[in-house]
């Protein structure tokens, strides 16, 4: 297993990004579970145990502007077919530093592994913890390359009241590490706004290839 992606992500969380030189960095998978692509400004990182030469050939042949090729559907489909994995979507990747203090709303920890939100998180992350609030939940766990990742979910009745931003900010207060990451579907404008309001900064995009069972 490679720890190169962990170093790259740690640097990015501190505002130090790969050079915007239009190149592609190919590194080994940080774990058997995680493979995929992270695109920063004019520099992409492909984390896979596949042959780097094959990866570069496929990127070069993608029908796309060279800077966009690592996220082109043709390249992603070729890599998915070769690895036998699946992906959900291309996410916006955002990060925020940990915050001191306690969350501003009451939270109740859920420790039932059969709970649907806990079960889904356990399939994609380690050291998962989930807290419930009135109207939503916030989840933390170690995901890609061991980074701390968070996700929030709101009940429909709780939308439009600013609870998403409160829960995203709570993740910054609950995380045991120095930073916490969020993968956000770009089309989910409400979620994008909530995380930005909570201080999360977009740093790139990510296509994560999963070996877990596809959702029904």
N, C-alpha and C. Protein backbone atom coordinates (compact mmCIF):
# COMPACT_ATOMS: atom_id res chain seq x y z
N UNK A 1 0.84 -1.19 0.00
CA UNK A 1 0.00 0.00 0.00
C UNK A 1 0.88 1.25 0.00
N UNK A 2 0.42 2.29 -0.68
CA UNK A 2 1.19 3.51 -0.81
C UNK A 2 0.67 4.58 0.15
N UNK A 3 1.58 5.39 0.71
CA UNK A 3 1.16 6.51 1.54
C UNK A 3 1.35 7.84 0.83
N UNK A 4 1.64 7.79 -0.48
CA UNK A 4 1.89 9.01 -1.23
C UNK A 4 0.63 9.87 -1.31
N UNK A 5 -0.54 9.26 -1.51
CA UNK A 5 -1.77 10.05 -1.58
C UNK A 5 -2.04 10.74 -0.25
N UNK A 6 -1.76 10.07 0.84
CA UNK A 6 -1.95 10.69 2.15
C UNK A 6 -1.12 11.96 2.28
N UNK A 7 0.11 11.92 1.81
CA UNK A 7 0.97 13.10 1.86
C UNK A 7 0.41 14.22 1.01
N UNK A 8 -0.06 13.89 -0.19
CA UNK A 8 -0.60 14.90 -1.10
C UNK A 8 -1.84 15.56 -0.48
N UNK A 9 -2.72 14.75 0.10
CA UNK A 9 -3.93 15.29 0.70
C UNK A 9 -3.61 16.11 1.94
N UNK A 10 -2.66 15.67 2.73
CA UNK A 10 -2.27 16.42 3.91
C UNK A 10 -1.73 17.79 3.50
N UNK A 11 -0.91 17.83 2.46
CA UNK A 11 -0.41 19.11 1.97
C UNK A 11 -1.56 19.99 1.49
N UNK A 12 -2.50 19.40 0.75
CA UNK A 12 -3.63 20.18 0.22
C UNK A 12 -4.47 20.77 1.34
N UNK A 13 -4.62 20.04 2.44
CA UNK A 13 -5.40 20.55 3.56
C UNK A 13 -4.75 21.77 4.19
N UNK A 14 -3.46 21.95 3.93
CA UNK A 14 -2.70 23.09 4.43
C UNK A 14 -2.46 24.15 3.35
N UNK A 15 -3.13 23.97 2.21
CA UNK A 15 -3.01 24.95 1.14
C UNK A 15 -1.81 24.78 0.24
N UNK A 16 -1.16 23.61 0.32
CA UNK A 16 0.00 23.34 -0.55
C UNK A 16 -0.41 22.30 -1.57
N UNK A 17 -0.57 22.73 -2.82
CA UNK A 17 -1.12 21.88 -3.86
C UNK A 17 -0.06 21.44 -4.86
N UNK A 18 -0.31 20.34 -5.59
CA UNK A 18 0.61 19.97 -6.66
C UNK A 18 0.74 21.11 -7.67
N UNK A 19 1.89 21.20 -8.29
CA UNK A 19 2.14 22.27 -9.25
C UNK A 19 1.09 22.25 -10.36
N UNK A 20 0.54 23.41 -10.74
CA UNK A 20 -0.45 23.47 -11.82
C UNK A 20 0.22 23.40 -13.19
N UNK A 21 0.82 22.24 -13.46
CA UNK A 21 1.66 22.08 -14.64
C UNK A 21 1.01 21.22 -15.72
N UNK A 22 -0.26 20.86 -15.53
CA UNK A 22 -0.96 20.05 -16.51
C UNK A 22 -0.59 18.58 -16.49
N UNK A 23 0.18 18.14 -15.52
CA UNK A 23 0.64 16.76 -15.47
C UNK A 23 -0.31 15.87 -14.68
N UNK A 24 -0.04 14.58 -14.77
CA UNK A 24 -0.78 13.57 -14.02
C UNK A 24 0.19 12.82 -13.13
N UNK A 25 -0.15 12.73 -11.87
CA UNK A 25 0.63 11.93 -10.93
C UNK A 25 -0.12 10.62 -10.70
N UNK A 26 0.55 9.50 -10.90
CA UNK A 26 -0.05 8.19 -10.65
C UNK A 26 0.62 7.59 -9.42
N UNK A 27 -0.18 7.28 -8.40
CA UNK A 27 0.35 6.71 -7.17
C UNK A 27 -0.40 5.42 -6.86
N UNK A 28 0.19 4.58 -6.03
CA UNK A 28 -0.46 3.35 -5.63
C UNK A 28 -1.66 3.61 -4.74
N UNK A 29 -2.53 2.62 -4.64
CA UNK A 29 -3.71 2.75 -3.78
C UNK A 29 -3.30 2.82 -2.32
N UNK A 30 -3.93 3.68 -1.54
CA UNK A 30 -3.63 3.74 -0.11
C UNK A 30 -4.20 2.55 0.65
N UNK A 31 -5.16 1.84 0.04
CA UNK A 31 -5.75 0.65 0.65
C UNK A 31 -6.40 -0.15 -0.46
N UNK A 32 -6.73 -1.40 -0.17
CA UNK A 32 -7.42 -2.22 -1.16
C UNK A 32 -8.80 -1.66 -1.45
N UNK A 33 -9.38 -0.95 -0.52
CA UNK A 33 -10.74 -0.42 -0.69
C UNK A 33 -10.80 0.76 -1.64
N UNK A 34 -9.80 1.64 -1.59
CA UNK A 34 -9.92 2.94 -2.24
C UNK A 34 -9.05 3.08 -3.48
N UNK A 35 -9.67 3.47 -4.59
CA UNK A 35 -8.98 3.84 -5.82
C UNK A 35 -9.78 4.97 -6.45
N UNK A 36 -9.16 5.72 -7.36
CA UNK A 36 -9.90 6.80 -7.99
C UNK A 36 -9.01 7.89 -8.52
N UNK A 37 -9.60 9.07 -8.66
CA UNK A 37 -8.92 10.22 -9.23
C UNK A 37 -9.26 11.46 -8.41
N UNK A 38 -8.24 12.26 -8.09
CA UNK A 38 -8.45 13.58 -7.50
C UNK A 38 -7.88 14.60 -8.47
N UNK A 39 -8.68 15.58 -8.84
CA UNK A 39 -8.23 16.62 -9.76
C UNK A 39 -8.10 17.94 -9.00
N UNK A 40 -6.87 18.46 -8.97
CA UNK A 40 -6.61 19.80 -8.44
C UNK A 40 -6.53 20.76 -9.63
N UNK A 41 -6.17 22.00 -9.39
CA UNK A 41 -6.02 22.96 -10.48
C UNK A 41 -4.88 22.53 -11.39
N UNK A 42 -5.20 22.17 -12.63
CA UNK A 42 -4.22 21.82 -13.67
C UNK A 42 -3.25 20.73 -13.22
N UNK A 43 -3.72 19.81 -12.38
CA UNK A 43 -2.91 18.67 -11.97
C UNK A 43 -3.84 17.61 -11.38
N UNK A 44 -3.73 16.40 -11.87
CA UNK A 44 -4.58 15.31 -11.38
C UNK A 44 -3.74 14.22 -10.75
N UNK A 45 -4.31 13.57 -9.77
CA UNK A 45 -3.67 12.44 -9.09
C UNK A 45 -4.57 11.23 -9.26
N UNK A 46 -4.04 10.19 -9.91
CA UNK A 46 -4.78 8.93 -10.09
C UNK A 46 -4.20 7.94 -9.10
N UNK A 47 -5.05 7.42 -8.20
CA UNK A 47 -4.55 6.45 -7.22
C UNK A 47 -5.13 5.08 -7.55
N UNK A 48 -4.26 4.24 -8.05
CA UNK A 48 -4.64 2.91 -8.50
C UNK A 48 -3.41 2.02 -8.52
N UNK A 49 -3.62 0.72 -8.42
CA UNK A 49 -2.52 -0.23 -8.54
C UNK A 49 -2.37 -0.73 -9.97
N UNK A 50 -3.13 -0.15 -10.90
CA UNK A 50 -2.97 -0.50 -12.31
C UNK A 50 -1.67 0.08 -12.86
N UNK A 51 -1.24 -0.43 -14.01
CA UNK A 51 0.01 0.00 -14.62
C UNK A 51 -0.03 1.49 -14.94
N UNK A 52 0.91 2.29 -14.42
CA UNK A 52 0.91 3.74 -14.70
C UNK A 52 1.00 4.06 -16.18
N UNK A 53 1.73 3.26 -16.95
CA UNK A 53 1.82 3.49 -18.38
C UNK A 53 0.46 3.38 -19.06
N UNK A 54 -0.29 2.35 -18.67
CA UNK A 54 -1.63 2.18 -19.23
C UNK A 54 -2.51 3.37 -18.85
N UNK A 55 -2.42 3.82 -17.60
CA UNK A 55 -3.23 4.96 -17.16
C UNK A 55 -2.93 6.18 -18.01
N UNK A 56 -1.66 6.47 -18.22
CA UNK A 56 -1.29 7.66 -18.99
C UNK A 56 -1.75 7.55 -20.44
N UNK A 57 -1.66 6.37 -21.02
CA UNK A 57 -2.13 6.17 -22.39
C UNK A 57 -3.64 6.44 -22.50
N UNK A 58 -4.39 5.95 -21.54
CA UNK A 58 -5.84 6.13 -21.57
C UNK A 58 -6.22 7.60 -21.39
N UNK A 59 -5.52 8.28 -20.50
CA UNK A 59 -5.80 9.71 -20.31
C UNK A 59 -5.49 10.49 -21.58
N UNK A 60 -4.36 10.17 -22.21
CA UNK A 60 -3.96 10.87 -23.43
C UNK A 60 -4.95 10.65 -24.57
N UNK A 61 -5.63 9.52 -24.58
CA UNK A 61 -6.55 9.21 -25.68
C UNK A 61 -7.98 9.67 -25.40
N UNK A 62 -8.24 10.23 -24.22
CA UNK A 62 -9.60 10.68 -23.90
C UNK A 62 -9.99 11.86 -24.78
N UNK A 63 -11.22 11.89 -25.29
CA UNK A 63 -11.67 12.98 -26.16
C UNK A 63 -12.00 14.23 -25.35
N UNK A 64 -10.95 14.92 -24.90
CA UNK A 64 -11.16 16.02 -23.97
C UNK A 64 -9.98 16.97 -24.03
N UNK A 65 -10.19 18.17 -23.55
CA UNK A 65 -9.07 19.06 -23.27
C UNK A 65 -8.11 18.34 -22.32
N UNK A 66 -6.79 18.42 -22.55
CA UNK A 66 -5.86 17.66 -21.71
C UNK A 66 -6.01 17.92 -20.21
N UNK A 67 -6.34 19.17 -19.83
CA UNK A 67 -6.48 19.46 -18.41
C UNK A 67 -7.71 18.79 -17.80
N UNK A 68 -8.70 18.49 -18.63
CA UNK A 68 -9.94 17.86 -18.14
C UNK A 68 -9.94 16.35 -18.33
N UNK A 69 -8.98 15.82 -19.07
CA UNK A 69 -9.00 14.41 -19.45
C UNK A 69 -9.08 13.44 -18.28
N UNK A 70 -8.39 13.68 -17.14
CA UNK A 70 -8.48 12.71 -16.05
C UNK A 70 -9.88 12.56 -15.46
N UNK A 71 -10.77 13.55 -15.68
CA UNK A 71 -12.15 13.44 -15.22
C UNK A 71 -13.12 13.22 -16.38
N UNK A 72 -12.60 12.96 -17.56
CA UNK A 72 -13.46 12.70 -18.70
C UNK A 72 -14.16 11.35 -18.53
N UNK A 73 -15.44 11.25 -18.84
CA UNK A 73 -16.17 9.98 -18.65
C UNK A 73 -15.56 8.81 -19.41
N UNK A 74 -14.95 9.07 -20.57
CA UNK A 74 -14.36 7.98 -21.34
C UNK A 74 -13.19 7.36 -20.58
N UNK A 75 -12.32 8.21 -20.02
CA UNK A 75 -11.21 7.68 -19.23
C UNK A 75 -11.70 6.98 -17.97
N UNK A 76 -12.63 7.62 -17.26
CA UNK A 76 -13.13 7.01 -16.02
C UNK A 76 -13.79 5.66 -16.30
N UNK A 77 -14.54 5.57 -17.40
CA UNK A 77 -15.19 4.31 -17.74
C UNK A 77 -14.16 3.23 -18.05
N UNK A 78 -13.07 3.61 -18.74
CA UNK A 78 -12.03 2.63 -19.05
C UNK A 78 -11.36 2.12 -17.78
N UNK A 79 -11.11 3.01 -16.84
CA UNK A 79 -10.47 2.60 -15.59
C UNK A 79 -11.42 1.77 -14.73
N UNK A 80 -12.69 2.12 -14.74
CA UNK A 80 -13.68 1.32 -14.01
C UNK A 80 -13.77 -0.09 -14.59
N UNK A 81 -13.78 -0.18 -15.91
CA UNK A 81 -13.87 -1.50 -16.54
C UNK A 81 -12.64 -2.33 -16.24
N UNK A 82 -11.48 -1.71 -16.24
CA UNK A 82 -10.24 -2.45 -16.00
C UNK A 82 -10.16 -2.94 -14.55
N UNK A 83 -10.66 -2.14 -13.63
CA UNK A 83 -10.57 -2.50 -12.21
C UNK A 83 -11.76 -3.29 -11.71
N UNK A 84 -12.86 -3.32 -12.47
CA UNK A 84 -14.06 -4.01 -12.04
C UNK A 84 -14.78 -3.31 -10.90
N UNK A 85 -14.57 -2.00 -10.78
CA UNK A 85 -15.19 -1.23 -9.71
C UNK A 85 -16.37 -0.42 -10.24
N UNK A 86 -17.00 0.33 -9.36
CA UNK A 86 -18.08 1.22 -9.74
C UNK A 86 -17.90 2.56 -9.03
N UNK A 87 -18.54 3.58 -9.56
CA UNK A 87 -18.50 4.88 -8.91
C UNK A 87 -19.89 5.50 -8.94
N UNK A 88 -20.12 6.41 -8.02
CA UNK A 88 -21.42 7.07 -7.95
C UNK A 88 -21.42 8.34 -8.79
N UNK A 89 -20.53 9.28 -8.49
CA UNK A 89 -20.51 10.55 -9.19
C UNK A 89 -19.14 11.20 -9.01
N UNK A 90 -18.92 12.29 -9.71
CA UNK A 90 -17.74 13.12 -9.48
C UNK A 90 -18.13 14.16 -8.45
N UNK A 91 -17.44 14.15 -7.32
CA UNK A 91 -17.76 15.04 -6.21
C UNK A 91 -16.86 16.25 -6.18
N UNK A 92 -17.39 17.33 -5.64
CA UNK A 92 -16.54 18.42 -5.21
C UNK A 92 -15.85 17.99 -3.92
N UNK A 93 -14.55 18.25 -3.82
CA UNK A 93 -13.78 17.88 -2.63
C UNK A 93 -13.46 19.16 -1.85
N UNK A 94 -13.87 19.19 -0.60
CA UNK A 94 -13.67 20.37 0.24
C UNK A 94 -13.05 19.96 1.57
N UNK A 95 -12.39 20.90 2.22
CA UNK A 95 -11.71 20.60 3.48
C UNK A 95 -11.82 21.79 4.41
N UNK A 96 -11.78 21.51 5.70
CA UNK A 96 -11.81 22.57 6.72
C UNK A 96 -11.00 22.11 7.92
N UNK A 97 -10.41 23.06 8.61
CA UNK A 97 -9.66 22.75 9.81
C UNK A 97 -10.57 22.46 10.99
N UNK A 98 -10.05 21.74 11.97
CA UNK A 98 -10.81 21.45 13.18
C UNK A 98 -11.06 22.74 13.96
N UNK A 99 -12.18 22.76 14.68
CA UNK A 99 -12.54 23.91 15.50
C UNK A 99 -12.64 23.50 16.97
N UNK A 100 -12.28 24.39 17.88
CA UNK A 100 -12.46 24.09 19.30
C UNK A 100 -13.92 24.27 19.72
N UNK A 101 -14.22 23.82 20.92
CA UNK A 101 -15.55 24.03 21.46
C UNK A 101 -16.51 22.92 21.10
N UNK A 102 -17.71 23.03 21.65
CA UNK A 102 -18.75 22.02 21.46
C UNK A 102 -19.74 22.48 20.40
N UNK A 103 -20.38 21.54 19.71
CA UNK A 103 -21.43 21.91 18.75
C UNK A 103 -22.51 22.76 19.40
N UNK A 104 -23.13 23.62 18.59
CA UNK A 104 -24.10 24.58 19.14
C UNK A 104 -25.49 24.00 19.33
N UNK A 105 -25.69 22.74 18.90
CA UNK A 105 -26.99 22.09 19.09
C UNK A 105 -26.78 20.76 19.79
N UNK A 106 -27.79 20.26 20.49
CA UNK A 106 -27.66 18.95 21.15
C UNK A 106 -27.52 17.83 20.11
N UNK A 107 -26.61 16.91 20.39
CA UNK A 107 -26.38 15.76 19.51
C UNK A 107 -26.42 14.49 20.34
N UNK A 108 -26.97 13.44 19.75
CA UNK A 108 -27.04 12.13 20.41
C UNK A 108 -26.32 11.12 19.54
N UNK A 109 -25.31 10.44 20.10
CA UNK A 109 -24.54 9.50 19.29
C UNK A 109 -25.34 8.23 19.03
N UNK A 110 -25.29 7.77 17.77
CA UNK A 110 -25.93 6.53 17.36
C UNK A 110 -24.85 5.47 17.23
N UNK A 111 -24.96 4.37 17.97
CA UNK A 111 -23.93 3.33 17.90
C UNK A 111 -24.48 1.99 17.43
N UNK A 112 -25.65 2.01 16.82
CA UNK A 112 -26.28 0.79 16.33
C UNK A 112 -25.75 0.49 14.92
N UNK A 113 -24.96 -0.60 14.73
CA UNK A 113 -24.41 -0.89 13.40
C UNK A 113 -25.46 -1.25 12.37
N UNK A 114 -26.68 -1.57 12.82
CA UNK A 114 -27.76 -1.91 11.89
C UNK A 114 -28.51 -0.68 11.42
N UNK A 115 -28.27 0.45 12.05
CA UNK A 115 -28.93 1.68 11.62
C UNK A 115 -28.51 1.97 10.18
N UNK A 116 -29.45 2.28 9.28
CA UNK A 116 -29.10 2.41 7.86
C UNK A 116 -28.00 3.42 7.58
N UNK A 117 -27.98 4.53 8.28
CA UNK A 117 -26.95 5.54 8.04
C UNK A 117 -25.59 5.05 8.53
N UNK A 118 -25.60 4.32 9.65
CA UNK A 118 -24.35 3.77 10.17
C UNK A 118 -23.84 2.67 9.25
N UNK A 119 -24.73 1.80 8.80
CA UNK A 119 -24.33 0.69 7.93
C UNK A 119 -23.71 1.19 6.63
N UNK A 120 -24.29 2.21 6.02
CA UNK A 120 -23.75 2.76 4.77
C UNK A 120 -22.35 3.35 5.02
N UNK A 121 -22.20 4.09 6.12
CA UNK A 121 -20.91 4.70 6.43
C UNK A 121 -19.85 3.63 6.68
N UNK A 122 -20.22 2.55 7.36
CA UNK A 122 -19.26 1.49 7.67
C UNK A 122 -18.74 0.79 6.42
N UNK A 123 -19.51 0.82 5.34
CA UNK A 123 -19.09 0.18 4.10
C UNK A 123 -18.02 1.00 3.37
N UNK A 124 -17.87 2.27 3.73
CA UNK A 124 -16.97 3.15 3.01
C UNK A 124 -15.90 3.81 3.87
N UNK A 125 -16.04 3.69 5.19
CA UNK A 125 -15.11 4.37 6.09
C UNK A 125 -14.81 3.50 7.30
N UNK A 126 -13.72 3.83 7.98
CA UNK A 126 -13.34 3.16 9.22
C UNK A 126 -13.57 4.13 10.38
N UNK A 127 -13.59 3.58 11.60
CA UNK A 127 -13.74 4.39 12.82
C UNK A 127 -14.95 5.32 12.72
N UNK A 128 -16.05 4.79 12.23
CA UNK A 128 -17.24 5.61 11.98
C UNK A 128 -17.94 5.97 13.29
N UNK A 129 -18.36 7.24 13.36
CA UNK A 129 -19.22 7.70 14.44
C UNK A 129 -20.32 8.55 13.83
N UNK A 130 -21.52 8.41 14.37
CA UNK A 130 -22.69 9.11 13.84
C UNK A 130 -23.45 9.74 15.00
N UNK A 131 -23.82 11.02 14.81
CA UNK A 131 -24.60 11.73 15.81
C UNK A 131 -25.90 12.22 15.19
N UNK A 132 -26.98 12.13 15.96
CA UNK A 132 -28.28 12.59 15.51
C UNK A 132 -28.64 13.90 16.21
N UNK A 133 -29.24 14.79 15.44
CA UNK A 133 -29.81 16.03 15.96
C UNK A 133 -31.28 16.03 15.62
N UNK A 134 -32.00 16.98 16.13
CA UNK A 134 -33.40 17.12 15.76
C UNK A 134 -33.46 17.59 14.30
N UNK A 135 -33.74 16.65 13.40
CA UNK A 135 -33.87 17.01 12.00
C UNK A 135 -32.72 16.57 11.11
N UNK A 136 -31.70 15.91 11.66
CA UNK A 136 -30.59 15.49 10.80
C UNK A 136 -29.55 14.69 11.54
N UNK A 137 -28.51 14.28 10.79
CA UNK A 137 -27.40 13.54 11.36
C UNK A 137 -26.10 14.07 10.79
N UNK A 138 -25.01 13.87 11.54
CA UNK A 138 -23.66 14.18 11.08
C UNK A 138 -22.80 12.95 11.31
N UNK A 139 -22.00 12.59 10.31
CA UNK A 139 -21.18 11.38 10.37
C UNK A 139 -19.72 11.73 10.20
N UNK A 140 -18.86 11.02 10.90
CA UNK A 140 -17.41 11.14 10.77
C UNK A 140 -16.81 9.75 10.61
N UNK A 141 -15.74 9.65 9.84
CA UNK A 141 -15.04 8.39 9.70
C UNK A 141 -13.76 8.59 8.91
N UNK A 142 -12.88 7.60 8.99
CA UNK A 142 -11.65 7.66 8.20
C UNK A 142 -11.92 7.04 6.84
N UNK A 143 -11.71 7.85 5.80
CA UNK A 143 -11.97 7.41 4.45
C UNK A 143 -10.70 7.27 3.63
N UNK A 144 -10.66 7.91 2.48
CA UNK A 144 -9.55 7.78 1.54
C UNK A 144 -8.22 8.17 2.19
N UNK A 145 -7.26 7.26 2.10
CA UNK A 145 -5.90 7.49 2.64
C UNK A 145 -5.92 7.84 4.12
N UNK A 146 -6.93 7.38 4.84
CA UNK A 146 -7.00 7.62 6.28
C UNK A 146 -7.47 8.99 6.69
N UNK A 147 -7.87 9.83 5.71
CA UNK A 147 -8.30 11.18 6.08
C UNK A 147 -9.64 11.11 6.82
N UNK A 148 -9.89 12.08 7.67
CA UNK A 148 -11.18 12.19 8.34
C UNK A 148 -12.18 12.82 7.39
N UNK A 149 -13.30 12.13 7.16
CA UNK A 149 -14.34 12.60 6.26
C UNK A 149 -15.64 12.77 7.03
N UNK A 150 -16.46 13.70 6.58
CA UNK A 150 -17.76 13.90 7.21
C UNK A 150 -18.86 13.89 6.16
N UNK A 151 -20.05 13.63 6.60
CA UNK A 151 -21.24 13.73 5.76
C UNK A 151 -22.40 14.14 6.65
N UNK A 152 -23.35 14.85 6.08
CA UNK A 152 -24.55 15.25 6.82
C UNK A 152 -25.78 14.84 6.03
N UNK A 153 -26.86 14.58 6.74
CA UNK A 153 -28.14 14.29 6.12
C UNK A 153 -29.22 15.05 6.90
N UNK A 154 -30.16 15.62 6.16
CA UNK A 154 -31.25 16.36 6.79
C UNK A 154 -32.58 15.71 6.46
N UNK A 155 -33.49 15.73 7.41
CA UNK A 155 -34.87 15.36 7.13
C UNK A 155 -35.49 16.46 6.27
N UNK A 156 -36.40 16.09 5.41
CA UNK A 156 -37.02 17.08 4.52
C UNK A 156 -37.67 18.22 5.30
N UNK A 157 -38.27 17.88 6.43
CA UNK A 157 -38.96 18.90 7.23
C UNK A 157 -38.01 19.92 7.83
N UNK A 158 -36.71 19.56 7.92
CA UNK A 158 -35.74 20.44 8.56
C UNK A 158 -34.99 21.33 7.58
N UNK A 159 -35.27 21.19 6.31
CA UNK A 159 -34.53 21.96 5.31
C UNK A 159 -34.95 23.43 5.33
N UNK A 160 -33.99 24.27 4.90
CA UNK A 160 -34.27 25.69 4.79
C UNK A 160 -34.15 26.46 6.09
N UNK A 161 -33.59 25.84 7.14
CA UNK A 161 -33.48 26.51 8.44
C UNK A 161 -32.03 26.73 8.85
N UNK A 162 -31.08 26.38 7.97
CA UNK A 162 -29.67 26.56 8.31
C UNK A 162 -29.07 25.41 9.08
N UNK A 163 -29.83 24.31 9.25
CA UNK A 163 -29.32 23.18 10.03
C UNK A 163 -28.14 22.51 9.34
N UNK A 164 -28.12 22.48 8.01
CA UNK A 164 -27.00 21.86 7.30
C UNK A 164 -25.68 22.50 7.66
N UNK A 165 -25.63 23.82 7.68
CA UNK A 165 -24.40 24.52 8.04
C UNK A 165 -24.01 24.26 9.48
N UNK A 166 -25.01 24.17 10.35
CA UNK A 166 -24.74 23.89 11.77
C UNK A 166 -24.13 22.51 11.94
N UNK A 167 -24.66 21.50 11.22
CA UNK A 167 -24.12 20.15 11.32
C UNK A 167 -22.74 20.05 10.69
N UNK A 168 -22.52 20.74 9.57
CA UNK A 168 -21.20 20.73 8.95
C UNK A 168 -20.17 21.37 9.87
N UNK A 169 -20.56 22.44 10.55
CA UNK A 169 -19.65 23.08 11.50
C UNK A 169 -19.42 22.17 12.71
N UNK A 170 -20.44 21.42 13.10
CA UNK A 170 -20.28 20.47 14.21
C UNK A 170 -19.23 19.42 13.87
N UNK A 171 -19.17 19.00 12.60
CA UNK A 171 -18.15 18.03 12.20
C UNK A 171 -16.75 18.58 12.46
N UNK A 172 -16.56 19.86 12.26
CA UNK A 172 -15.25 20.48 12.53
C UNK A 172 -14.94 20.49 14.02
N UNK A 173 -15.96 20.52 14.86
CA UNK A 173 -15.76 20.52 16.30
C UNK A 173 -15.61 19.11 16.86
N UNK A 174 -16.17 18.13 16.16
CA UNK A 174 -16.14 16.75 16.63
C UNK A 174 -14.93 15.96 16.12
N UNK A 175 -14.35 16.37 15.01
CA UNK A 175 -13.28 15.59 14.40
C UNK A 175 -12.07 15.52 15.33
N UNK A 176 -11.48 14.34 15.50
CA UNK A 176 -10.32 14.21 16.38
C UNK A 176 -9.00 14.60 15.71
N UNK A 177 -9.01 14.83 14.41
CA UNK A 177 -7.80 15.20 13.69
C UNK A 177 -7.69 16.70 13.49
N UNK A 178 -6.72 17.10 12.65
CA UNK A 178 -6.49 18.52 12.39
C UNK A 178 -7.42 19.08 11.32
N UNK A 179 -7.98 18.23 10.49
CA UNK A 179 -8.83 18.68 9.39
C UNK A 179 -9.88 17.63 9.09
N UNK A 180 -10.93 18.06 8.43
CA UNK A 180 -12.00 17.14 8.03
C UNK A 180 -12.39 17.46 6.59
N UNK A 181 -12.63 16.39 5.82
CA UNK A 181 -12.92 16.49 4.39
C UNK A 181 -14.39 16.22 4.13
N UNK A 182 -14.89 16.79 3.04
CA UNK A 182 -16.27 16.52 2.61
C UNK A 182 -16.29 16.29 1.11
N UNK A 183 -17.02 15.27 0.68
CA UNK A 183 -17.26 14.98 -0.74
C UNK A 183 -18.69 15.38 -1.02
N UNK A 184 -18.89 16.36 -1.92
CA UNK A 184 -20.20 16.97 -2.12
C UNK A 184 -20.58 16.88 -3.59
N UNK A 185 -21.74 16.35 -3.89
CA UNK A 185 -22.22 16.33 -5.27
C UNK A 185 -22.39 17.77 -5.75
N UNK A 186 -21.71 18.19 -6.83
CA UNK A 186 -21.76 19.59 -7.25
C UNK A 186 -23.17 20.09 -7.53
N UNK A 187 -24.05 19.20 -8.01
CA UNK A 187 -25.42 19.61 -8.30
C UNK A 187 -26.28 19.82 -7.07
N UNK A 188 -25.80 19.37 -5.91
CA UNK A 188 -26.55 19.56 -4.67
C UNK A 188 -26.22 20.93 -4.10
N UNK A 189 -26.83 21.96 -4.69
CA UNK A 189 -26.46 23.33 -4.36
C UNK A 189 -26.68 23.64 -2.88
N UNK A 190 -27.73 23.08 -2.28
CA UNK A 190 -27.97 23.36 -0.87
C UNK A 190 -26.84 22.82 0.00
N UNK A 191 -26.35 21.64 -0.35
CA UNK A 191 -25.25 21.07 0.42
C UNK A 191 -23.96 21.86 0.20
N UNK A 192 -23.70 22.26 -1.04
CA UNK A 192 -22.52 23.08 -1.33
C UNK A 192 -22.55 24.36 -0.50
N UNK A 193 -23.70 25.02 -0.46
CA UNK A 193 -23.81 26.27 0.30
C UNK A 193 -23.64 26.02 1.80
N UNK A 194 -24.20 24.90 2.29
CA UNK A 194 -24.10 24.61 3.72
C UNK A 194 -22.65 24.41 4.14
N UNK A 195 -21.91 23.63 3.36
CA UNK A 195 -20.52 23.39 3.73
C UNK A 195 -19.67 24.65 3.61
N UNK A 196 -19.93 25.45 2.60
CA UNK A 196 -19.17 26.70 2.48
C UNK A 196 -19.49 27.64 3.64
N UNK A 197 -20.76 27.69 4.05
CA UNK A 197 -21.13 28.52 5.21
C UNK A 197 -20.43 28.06 6.47
N UNK A 198 -20.14 26.75 6.54
CA UNK A 198 -19.47 26.19 7.72
C UNK A 198 -17.95 26.32 7.63
N UNK A 199 -17.44 26.95 6.58
CA UNK A 199 -16.00 27.19 6.48
C UNK A 199 -15.22 26.19 5.67
N UNK A 200 -15.90 25.28 4.98
CA UNK A 200 -15.20 24.32 4.13
C UNK A 200 -14.77 25.01 2.83
N UNK A 201 -13.54 24.73 2.40
CA UNK A 201 -12.97 25.35 1.21
C UNK A 201 -12.84 24.31 0.12
N UNK A 202 -13.38 24.56 -1.10
CA UNK A 202 -13.21 23.60 -2.19
C UNK A 202 -11.76 23.56 -2.65
N UNK A 203 -11.23 22.34 -2.82
CA UNK A 203 -9.83 22.19 -3.24
C UNK A 203 -9.69 21.41 -4.54
N UNK A 204 -10.77 20.78 -5.01
CA UNK A 204 -10.67 20.01 -6.24
C UNK A 204 -11.91 19.18 -6.45
N UNK A 205 -11.78 18.17 -7.28
CA UNK A 205 -12.87 17.22 -7.51
C UNK A 205 -12.34 15.80 -7.34
N UNK A 206 -13.26 14.86 -7.09
CA UNK A 206 -12.84 13.49 -6.81
C UNK A 206 -13.82 12.50 -7.42
N UNK A 207 -13.27 11.49 -8.08
CA UNK A 207 -14.04 10.34 -8.53
C UNK A 207 -13.54 9.15 -7.74
N UNK A 208 -14.36 8.62 -6.88
CA UNK A 208 -13.95 7.52 -6.00
C UNK A 208 -14.50 6.21 -6.53
N UNK A 209 -13.61 5.24 -6.73
CA UNK A 209 -13.99 3.92 -7.23
C UNK A 209 -14.18 2.98 -6.05
N UNK A 210 -15.33 2.37 -5.98
CA UNK A 210 -15.68 1.55 -4.82
C UNK A 210 -15.72 0.07 -5.17
N UNK A 211 -15.37 -0.75 -4.20
CA UNK A 211 -15.54 -2.20 -4.34
C UNK A 211 -16.76 -2.67 -3.55
N UNK A 212 -17.37 -1.75 -2.79
CA UNK A 212 -18.54 -2.12 -2.00
C UNK A 212 -19.73 -2.38 -2.92
N UNK A 213 -20.68 -3.11 -2.38
CA UNK A 213 -21.88 -3.44 -3.15
C UNK A 213 -22.61 -2.16 -3.55
N UNK A 214 -23.06 -2.12 -4.80
CA UNK A 214 -23.80 -0.97 -5.28
C UNK A 214 -25.06 -0.76 -4.44
N UNK A 215 -25.42 0.52 -4.20
CA UNK A 215 -26.69 0.76 -3.48
C UNK A 215 -27.87 0.33 -4.32
N UNK A 216 -28.92 -0.16 -3.67
CA UNK A 216 -30.13 -0.58 -4.39
C UNK A 216 -30.90 0.64 -4.88
